[in-house]
Amino acid sequence: MLNPQECSNIVWAYASVMIFSDPMFEEMGKVAVSMIHQFDSQNVSNSFWAFACVMLHDAPLLAASSGRAMLLMPEFSMQELANVA
């Protein structure tokens, strides 16, 4: 099983090389939703950035990530805020 850092690293890597359509990337969205409660501010912001870059429209992922981001907002660095925005 992946930990939150590994999950966010994988989606960040996919977005960095601009892989926009891949079953594994889409599956990572489901994994992220299932473990979002474990994500720290960096994991949330990197994942937000990655899923936005590939324009993945996943309502459950967005809802879960948004909720977690709201809880972690006081901990966000300026870069993490920018990634989420």
PDB file of N, CA and C in Angstrom:
ATOM      1  N   MET A   1       0.839  -1.180   0.000  1.00  0.00           N
ATOM      2  CA  MET A   1       0.000   0.000   0.000  1.00  0.00           C
ATOM      3  C   MET A   1       0.884   1.243   0.000  1.00  0.00           C
ATOM      4  N   LEU A   2       0.476   2.225  -0.763  1.00  0.00           N
ATOM      5  CA  LEU A   2       1.223   3.474  -0.838  1.00  0.00           C
ATOM      6  C   LEU A   2       0.997   4.335   0.400  1.00  0.00           C
ATOM      7  N   ASN A   3       1.987   5.142   0.727  1.00  0.00           N
ATOM      8  CA  ASN A   3       1.779   6.150   1.758  1.00  0.00           C
ATOM      9  C   ASN A   3       1.428   7.467   1.059  1.00  0.00           C
ATOM     10  N   PRO A   4       0.975   8.485   1.785  1.00  0.00           N
ATOM     11  CA  PRO A   4       0.560   9.728   1.148  1.00  0.00           C
ATOM     12  C   PRO A   4       1.656  10.391   0.302  1.00  0.00           C
ATOM     13  N   GLN A   5       2.884  10.366   0.778  1.00  0.00           N
ATOM     14  CA  GLN A   5       3.984  10.970   0.024  1.00  0.00           C
ATOM     15  C   GLN A   5       4.192  10.256  -1.305  1.00  0.00           C
ATOM     16  N   GLU A   6       4.158   8.937  -1.287  1.00  0.00           N
ATOM     17  CA  GLU A   6       4.329   8.171  -2.525  1.00  0.00           C
ATOM     18  C   GLU A   6       3.198   8.453  -3.507  1.00  0.00           C
ATOM     19  N   CYS A   7       1.988   8.536  -3.000  1.00  0.00           N
ATOM     20  CA  CYS A   7       0.834   8.824  -3.847  1.00  0.00           C
ATOM     21  C   CYS A   7       0.991  10.190  -4.520  1.00  0.00           C
ATOM     22  N   SER A   8       1.291  11.215  -3.733  1.00  0.00           N
ATOM     23  CA  SER A   8       1.426  12.550  -4.320  1.00  0.00           C
ATOM     24  C   SER A   8       2.639  12.634  -5.240  1.00  0.00           C
ATOM     25  N   ASN A   9       3.704  11.905  -4.951  1.00  0.00           N
ATOM     26  CA  ASN A   9       4.872  11.884  -5.843  1.00  0.00           C
ATOM     27  C   ASN A   9       4.528  11.278  -7.198  1.00  0.00           C
ATOM     28  N   ILE A  10       3.744  10.223  -7.199  1.00  0.00           N
ATOM     29  CA  ILE A  10       3.370   9.568  -8.457  1.00  0.00           C
ATOM     30  C   ILE A  10       2.539  10.498  -9.318  1.00  0.00           C
ATOM     31  N   VAL A  11       1.511  11.134  -8.729  1.00  0.00           N
ATOM     32  CA  VAL A  11       0.683  12.014  -9.558  1.00  0.00           C
ATOM     33  C   VAL A  11       1.458  13.244 -10.005  1.00  0.00           C
ATOM     34  N   TRP A  12       2.351  13.735  -9.162  1.00  0.00           N
ATOM     35  CA  TRP A  12       3.195  14.870  -9.548  1.00  0.00           C
ATOM     36  C   TRP A  12       4.090  14.483 -10.726  1.00  0.00           C
ATOM     37  N   ALA A  13       4.660  13.292 -10.682  1.00  0.00           N
ATOM     38  CA  ALA A  13       5.536  12.836 -11.770  1.00  0.00           C
ATOM     39  C   ALA A  13       4.768  12.714 -13.084  1.00  0.00           C
ATOM     40  N   TYR A  14       3.575  12.158 -13.036  1.00  0.00           N
ATOM     41  CA  TYR A  14       2.753  12.049 -14.243  1.00  0.00           C
ATOM     42  C   TYR A  14       2.488  13.427 -14.836  1.00  0.00           C
ATOM     43  N   ALA A  15       2.105  14.377 -13.994  1.00  0.00           N
ATOM     44  CA  ALA A  15       1.799  15.722 -14.486  1.00  0.00           C
ATOM     45  C   ALA A  15       3.048  16.415 -15.017  1.00  0.00           C
ATOM     46  N   SER A  16       4.185  16.177 -14.378  1.00  0.00           N
ATOM     47  CA  SER A  16       5.430  16.811 -14.801  1.00  0.00           C
ATOM     48  C   SER A  16       5.848  16.413 -16.204  1.00  0.00           C
ATOM     49  N   VAL A  17       5.541  15.180 -16.576  1.00  0.00           N
ATOM     50  CA  VAL A  17       5.891  14.721 -17.932  1.00  0.00           C
ATOM     51  C   VAL A  17       4.695  14.797 -18.873  1.00  0.00           C
ATOM     52  N   MET A  18       3.634  15.448 -18.380  1.00  0.00           N
ATOM     53  CA  MET A  18       2.435  15.721 -19.173  1.00  0.00           C
ATOM     54  C   MET A  18       1.772  14.480 -19.745  1.00  0.00           C
ATOM     55  N   ILE A  19       1.628  13.465 -18.907  1.00  0.00           N
ATOM     56  CA  ILE A  19       0.849  12.285 -19.279  1.00  0.00           C
ATOM     57  C   ILE A  19      -0.586  12.580 -18.871  1.00  0.00           C
ATOM     58  N   PHE A  20      -1.434  12.822 -19.852  1.00  0.00           N
ATOM     59  CA  PHE A  20      -2.791  13.276 -19.590  1.00  0.00           C
ATOM     60  C   PHE A  20      -3.831  12.170 -19.551  1.00  0.00           C
ATOM     61  N   SER A  21      -3.525  11.037 -20.109  1.00  0.00           N
ATOM     62  CA  SER A  21      -4.518   9.976 -20.138  1.00  0.00           C
ATOM     63  C   SER A  21      -3.830   8.642 -19.893  1.00  0.00           C
ATOM     64  N   ASP A  22      -4.044   8.131 -18.707  1.00  0.00           N
ATOM     65  CA  ASP A  22      -3.427   6.868 -18.348  1.00  0.00           C
ATOM     66  C   ASP A  22      -4.281   6.229 -17.250  1.00  0.00           C
ATOM     67  N   PRO A  23      -4.629   4.973 -17.406  1.00  0.00           N
ATOM     68  CA  PRO A  23      -5.456   4.315 -16.388  1.00  0.00           C
ATOM     69  C   PRO A  23      -4.836   4.357 -14.987  1.00  0.00           C
ATOM     70  N   MET A  24      -3.517   4.259 -14.897  1.00  0.00           N
ATOM     71  CA  MET A  24      -2.886   4.285 -13.576  1.00  0.00           C
ATOM     72  C   MET A  24      -3.064   5.648 -12.920  1.00  0.00           C
ATOM     73  N   PHE A  25      -2.935   6.720 -13.702  1.00  0.00           N
ATOM     74  CA  PHE A  25      -3.110   8.060 -13.141  1.00  0.00           C
ATOM     75  C   PHE A  25      -4.526   8.229 -12.615  1.00  0.00           C
ATOM     76  N   GLU A  26      -5.491   7.785 -13.378  1.00  0.00           N
ATOM     77  CA  GLU A  26      -6.884   7.884 -12.941  1.00  0.00           C
ATOM     78  C   GLU A  26      -7.126   7.037 -11.685  1.00  0.00           C
ATOM     79  N   GLU A  27      -6.486   5.886 -11.616  1.00  0.00           N
ATOM     80  CA  GLU A  27      -6.606   5.037 -10.421  1.00  0.00           C
ATOM     81  C   GLU A  27      -5.994   5.725  -9.203  1.00  0.00           C
ATOM     82  N   MET A  28      -4.936   6.489  -9.426  1.00  0.00           N
ATOM     83  CA  MET A  28      -4.306   7.209  -8.321  1.00  0.00           C
ATOM     84  C   MET A  28      -5.276   8.215  -7.698  1.00  0.00           C
ATOM     85  N   GLY A  29      -6.200   8.732  -8.481  1.00  0.00           N
ATOM     86  CA  GLY A  29      -7.229   9.612  -7.933  1.00  0.00           C
ATOM     87  C   GLY A  29      -8.072   8.887  -6.909  1.00  0.00           C
ATOM     88  N   LYS A  30      -8.419   7.642  -7.202  1.00  0.00           N
ATOM     89  CA  LYS A  30      -9.200   6.838  -6.258  1.00  0.00           C
ATOM     90  C   LYS A  30      -8.393   6.527  -4.996  1.00  0.00           C
ATOM     91  N   VAL A  31      -7.114   6.234  -5.196  1.00  0.00           N
ATOM     92  CA  VAL A  31      -6.233   5.971  -4.048  1.00  0.00           C
ATOM     93  C   VAL A  31      -6.136   7.223  -3.178  1.00  0.00           C
ATOM     94  N   ALA A  32      -5.970   8.369  -3.820  1.00  0.00           N
ATOM     95  CA  ALA A  32      -5.865   9.627  -3.065  1.00  0.00           C
ATOM     96  C   ALA A  32      -7.113   9.875  -2.234  1.00  0.00           C
ATOM     97  N   VAL A  33      -8.288   9.636  -2.815  1.00  0.00           N
ATOM     98  CA  VAL A  33      -9.537   9.834  -2.065  1.00  0.00           C
ATOM     99  C   VAL A  33      -9.571   8.923  -0.840  1.00  0.00           C
ATOM    100  N   SER A  34      -9.140   7.693  -1.005  1.00  0.00           N
ATOM    101  CA  SER A  34      -9.213   6.741   0.105  1.00  0.00           C
ATOM    102  C   SER A  34      -8.261   7.068   1.248  1.00  0.00           C
ATOM    103  N   MET A  35      -7.213   7.822   0.973  1.00  0.00           N
ATOM    104  CA  MET A  35      -6.234   8.119   2.022  1.00  0.00           C
ATOM    105  C   MET A  35      -6.071   9.616   2.277  1.00  0.00           C
ATOM    106  N   ILE A  36      -6.988  10.431   1.757  1.00  0.00           N
ATOM    107  CA  ILE A  36      -6.838  11.888   1.858  1.00  0.00           C
ATOM    108  C   ILE A  36      -6.710  12.364   3.297  1.00  0.00           C
ATOM    109  N   HIS A  37      -7.318  11.665   4.224  1.00  0.00           N
ATOM    110  CA  HIS A  37      -7.235  12.052   5.638  1.00  0.00           C
ATOM    111  C   HIS A  37      -5.813  11.951   6.194  1.00  0.00           C
ATOM    112  N   GLN A  38      -4.926  11.255   5.471  1.00  0.00           N
ATOM    113  CA  GLN A  38      -3.533  11.108   5.895  1.00  0.00           C
ATOM    114  C   GLN A  38      -2.619  12.136   5.229  1.00  0.00           C
ATOM    115  N   PHE A  39      -3.119  12.846   4.221  1.00  0.00           N
ATOM    116  CA  PHE A  39      -2.290  13.785   3.468  1.00  0.00           C
ATOM    117  C   PHE A  39      -1.930  14.995   4.335  1.00  0.00           C
ATOM    118  N   ASP A  40      -0.652  15.410   4.235  1.00  0.00           N
ATOM    119  CA  ASP A  40      -0.256  16.652   4.877  1.00  0.00           C
ATOM    120  C   ASP A  40      -0.381  17.780   3.851  1.00  0.00           C
ATOM    121  N   SER A  41       0.009  18.987   4.228  1.00  0.00           N
ATOM    122  CA  SER A  41      -0.179  20.129   3.343  1.00  0.00           C
ATOM    123  C   SER A  41       0.575  19.979   2.020  1.00  0.00           C
ATOM    124  N   GLN A  42       1.771  19.425   2.055  1.00  0.00           N
ATOM    125  CA  GLN A  42       2.537  19.236   0.821  1.00  0.00           C
ATOM    126  C   GLN A  42       1.877  18.193  -0.075  1.00  0.00           C
ATOM    127  N   ASN A  43       1.417  17.096   0.492  1.00  0.00           N
ATOM    128  CA  ASN A  43       0.753  16.062  -0.301  1.00  0.00           C
ATOM    129  C   ASN A  43      -0.494  16.610  -0.974  1.00  0.00           C
ATOM    130  N   VAL A  44      -1.285  17.381  -0.230  1.00  0.00           N
ATOM    131  CA  VAL A  44      -2.508  17.952  -0.787  1.00  0.00           C
ATOM    132  C   VAL A  44      -2.183  18.930  -1.902  1.00  0.00           C
ATOM    133  N   SER A  45      -1.253  19.837  -1.656  1.00  0.00           N
ATOM    134  CA  SER A  45      -0.968  20.862  -2.664  1.00  0.00           C
ATOM    135  C   SER A  45      -0.342  20.264  -3.917  1.00  0.00           C
ATOM    136  N   ASN A  46       0.560  19.311  -3.771  1.00  0.00           N
ATOM    137  CA  ASN A  46       1.163  18.682  -4.949  1.00  0.00           C
ATOM    138  C   ASN A  46       0.132  17.901  -5.747  1.00  0.00           C
ATOM    139  N   SER A  47      -0.769  17.243  -5.051  1.00  0.00           N
ATOM    140  CA  SER A  47      -1.811  16.481  -5.742  1.00  0.00           C
ATOM    141  C   SER A  47      -2.790  17.405  -6.460  1.00  0.00           C
ATOM    142  N   PHE A  48      -3.199  18.486  -5.795  1.00  0.00           N
ATOM    143  CA  PHE A  48      -4.064  19.475  -6.448  1.00  0.00           C
ATOM    144  C   PHE A  48      -3.430  19.955  -7.737  1.00  0.00           C
ATOM    145  N   TRP A  49      -2.157  20.343  -7.647  1.00  0.00           N
ATOM    146  CA  TRP A  49      -1.440  20.860  -8.817  1.00  0.00           C
ATOM    147  C   TRP A  49      -1.409  19.814  -9.927  1.00  0.00           C
ATOM    148  N   ALA A  50      -1.074  18.586  -9.577  1.00  0.00           N
ATOM    149  CA  ALA A  50      -0.945  17.523 -10.580  1.00  0.00           C
ATOM    150  C   ALA A  50      -2.259  17.222 -11.271  1.00  0.00           C
ATOM    151  N   PHE A  51      -3.321  17.057 -10.511  1.00  0.00           N
ATOM    152  CA  PHE A  51      -4.608  16.734 -11.125  1.00  0.00           C
ATOM    153  C   PHE A  51      -5.138  17.904 -11.947  1.00  0.00           C
ATOM    154  N   ALA A  52      -4.844  19.129 -11.527  1.00  0.00           N
ATOM    155  CA  ALA A  52      -5.246  20.297 -12.322  1.00  0.00           C
ATOM    156  C   ALA A  52      -4.466  20.360 -13.633  1.00  0.00           C
ATOM    157  N   CYS A  53      -3.176  20.060 -13.579  1.00  0.00           N
ATOM    158  CA  CYS A  53      -2.343  20.114 -14.793  1.00  0.00           C
ATOM    159  C   CYS A  53      -2.830  19.167 -15.876  1.00  0.00           C
ATOM    160  N   VAL A  54      -3.293  18.014 -15.483  1.00  0.00           N
ATOM    161  CA  VAL A  54      -3.759  17.040 -16.477  1.00  0.00           C
ATOM    162  C   VAL A  54      -5.260  17.158 -16.722  1.00  0.00           C
ATOM    163  N   MET A  55      -5.870  18.163 -16.079  1.00  0.00           N
ATOM    164  CA  MET A  55      -7.285  18.458 -16.272  1.00  0.00           C
ATOM    165  C   MET A  55      -8.178  17.245 -15.999  1.00  0.00           C
ATOM    166  N   LEU A  56      -7.849  16.519 -14.932  1.00  0.00           N
ATOM    167  CA  LEU A  56      -8.668  15.383 -14.525  1.00  0.00           C
ATOM    168  C   LEU A  56      -9.857  15.910 -13.731  1.00  0.00           C
ATOM    169  N   HIS A  57     -11.042  15.713 -14.248  1.00  0.00           N
ATOM    170  CA  HIS A  57     -12.265  16.169 -13.587  1.00  0.00           C
ATOM    171  C   HIS A  57     -12.874  14.988 -12.844  1.00  0.00           C
ATOM    172  N   ASP A  58     -12.621  14.945 -11.558  1.00  0.00           N
ATOM    173  CA  ASP A  58     -13.053  13.848 -10.706  1.00  0.00           C
ATOM    174  C   ASP A  58     -13.721  14.473  -9.480  1.00  0.00           C
ATOM    175  N   ALA A  59     -15.048  14.485  -9.475  1.00  0.00           N
ATOM    176  CA  ALA A  59     -15.789  15.156  -8.401  1.00  0.00           C
ATOM    177  C   ALA A  59     -15.464  14.612  -7.007  1.00  0.00           C
ATOM    178  N   PRO A  60     -15.412  13.285  -6.793  1.00  0.00           N
ATOM    179  CA  PRO A  60     -15.066  12.791  -5.446  1.00  0.00           C
ATOM    180  C   PRO A  60     -13.664  13.228  -5.012  1.00  0.00           C
ATOM    181  N   LEU A  61     -12.723  13.215  -5.947  1.00  0.00           N
ATOM    182  CA  LEU A  61     -11.360  13.638  -5.631  1.00  0.00           C
ATOM    183  C   LEU A  61     -11.331  15.121  -5.269  1.00  0.00           C
ATOM    184  N   LEU A  62     -12.005  15.937  -6.038  1.00  0.00           N
ATOM    185  CA  LEU A  62     -12.033  17.372  -5.765  1.00  0.00           C
ATOM    186  C   LEU A  62     -12.682  17.665  -4.420  1.00  0.00           C
ATOM    187  N   ALA A  63     -13.776  16.987  -4.127  1.00  0.00           N
ATOM    188  CA  ALA A  63     -14.455  17.194  -2.845  1.00  0.00           C
ATOM    189  C   ALA A  63     -13.564  16.787  -1.674  1.00  0.00           C
ATOM    190  N   ALA A  64     -12.948  15.620  -1.775  1.00  0.00           N
ATOM    191  CA  ALA A  64     -12.081  15.137  -0.690  1.00  0.00           C
ATOM    192  C   ALA A  64     -10.864  16.041  -0.513  1.00  0.00           C
ATOM    193  N   SER A  65     -10.236  16.409  -1.623  1.00  0.00           N
ATOM    194  CA  SER A  65      -9.045  17.260  -1.564  1.00  0.00           C
ATOM    195  C   SER A  65      -9.377  18.641  -1.032  1.00  0.00           C
ATOM    196  N   SER A  66     -10.505  19.188  -1.449  1.00  0.00           N
ATOM    197  CA  SER A  66     -10.918  20.516  -0.979  1.00  0.00           C
ATOM    198  C   SER A  66     -11.178  20.509   0.521  1.00  0.00           C
ATOM    199  N   GLY A  67     -11.853  19.474   0.984  1.00  0.00           N
ATOM    200  CA  GLY A  67     -12.121  19.367   2.420  1.00  0.00           C
ATOM    201  C   GLY A  67     -10.845  19.272   3.227  1.00  0.00           C
ATOM    202  N   ARG A  68      -9.911  18.462   2.742  1.00  0.00           N
ATOM    203  CA  ARG A  68      -8.631  18.306   3.446  1.00  0.00           C
ATOM    204  C   ARG A  68      -7.841  19.608   3.394  1.00  0.00           C
ATOM    205  N   ALA A  69      -7.860  20.282   2.251  1.00  0.00           N
ATOM    206  CA  ALA A  69      -7.145  21.551   2.114  1.00  0.00           C
ATOM    207  C   ALA A  69      -7.672  22.590   3.100  1.00  0.00           C
ATOM    208  N   MET A  70      -8.979  22.630   3.286  1.00  0.00           N
ATOM    209  CA  MET A  70      -9.567  23.587   4.227  1.00  0.00           C
ATOM    210  C   MET A  70      -9.075  23.323   5.652  1.00  0.00           C
ATOM    211  N   LEU A  71      -8.960  22.050   6.007  1.00  0.00           N
ATOM    212  CA  LEU A  71      -8.465  21.713   7.350  1.00  0.00           C
ATOM    213  C   LEU A  71      -6.997  22.094   7.530  1.00  0.00           C
ATOM    214  N   LEU A  72      -6.219  21.956   6.466  1.00  0.00           N
ATOM    215  CA  LEU A  72      -4.771  22.184   6.543  1.00  0.00           C
ATOM    216  C   LEU A  72      -4.363  23.612   6.185  1.00  0.00           C
ATOM    217  N   MET A  73      -5.307  24.443   5.788  1.00  0.00           N
ATOM    218  CA  MET A  73      -4.996  25.791   5.308  1.00  0.00           C
ATOM    219  C   MET A  73      -4.028  26.563   6.215  1.00  0.00           C
ATOM    220  N   PRO A  74      -4.185  26.526   7.538  1.00  0.00           N
ATOM    221  CA  PRO A  74      -3.238  27.275   8.386  1.00  0.00           C
ATOM    222  C   PRO A  74      -1.787  26.791   8.271  1.00  0.00           C
ATOM    223  N   GLU A  75      -1.590  25.565   7.808  1.00  0.00           N
ATOM    224  CA  GLU A  75      -0.242  25.007   7.706  1.00  0.00           C
ATOM    225  C   GLU A  75       0.410  25.255   6.351  1.00  0.00           C
ATOM    226  N   PHE A  76      -0.352  25.704   5.363  1.00  0.00           N
ATOM    227  CA  PHE A  76       0.181  25.857   4.007  1.00  0.00           C
ATOM    228  C   PHE A  76       1.247  26.930   3.915  1.00  0.00           C
ATOM    229  N   SER A  77       2.317  26.601   3.185  1.00  0.00           N
ATOM    230  CA  SER A  77       3.314  27.615   2.819  1.00  0.00           C
ATOM    231  C   SER A  77       2.727  28.422   1.661  1.00  0.00           C
ATOM    232  N   MET A  78       3.415  29.476   1.277  1.00  0.00           N
ATOM    233  CA  MET A  78       2.952  30.283   0.142  1.00  0.00           C
ATOM    234  C   MET A  78       2.916  29.447  -1.137  1.00  0.00           C
ATOM    235  N   GLN A  79       3.910  28.588  -1.339  1.00  0.00           N
ATOM    236  CA  GLN A  79       3.935  27.732  -2.535  1.00  0.00           C
ATOM    237  C   GLN A  79       2.768  26.754  -2.523  1.00  0.00           C
ATOM    238  N   GLU A  80       2.482  26.180  -1.376  1.00  0.00           N
ATOM    239  CA  GLU A  80       1.371  25.244  -1.275  1.00  0.00           C
ATOM    240  C   GLU A  80       0.042  25.939  -1.537  1.00  0.00           C
ATOM    241  N   LEU A  81      -0.119  27.163  -1.059  1.00  0.00           N
ATOM    242  CA  LEU A  81      -1.329  27.933  -1.363  1.00  0.00           C
ATOM    243  C   LEU A  81      -1.449  28.179  -2.859  1.00  0.00           C
ATOM    244  N   ALA A  82      -0.341  28.516  -3.477  1.00  0.00           N
ATOM    245  CA  ALA A  82      -0.350  28.752  -4.929  1.00  0.00           C
ATOM    246  C   ALA A  82      -0.706  27.488  -5.683  1.00  0.00           C
ATOM    247  N   ASN A  83      -0.193  26.360  -5.274  1.00  0.00           N
ATOM    248  CA  ASN A  83      -0.502  25.090  -5.940  1.00  0.00           C
ATOM    249  C   ASN A  83      -1.995  24.776  -5.858  1.00  0.00           C
ATOM    250  N   VAL A  84      -2.576  25.005  -4.697  1.00  0.00           N
ATOM    251  CA  VAL A  84      -3.999  24.714  -4.514  1.00  0.00           C
ATOM    252  C   VAL A  84      -4.847  25.688  -5.324  1.00  0.00           C
ATOM    253  N   ALA A  85      -4.431  26.939  -5.344  1.00  0.00           N
ATOM    254  CA  ALA A  85      -5.191  27.946  -6.097  1.00  0.00           C
ATOM    255  C   ALA A  85      -5.157  27.605  -7.568  1.00  0.00           C
TER     256      ALA A  85
END
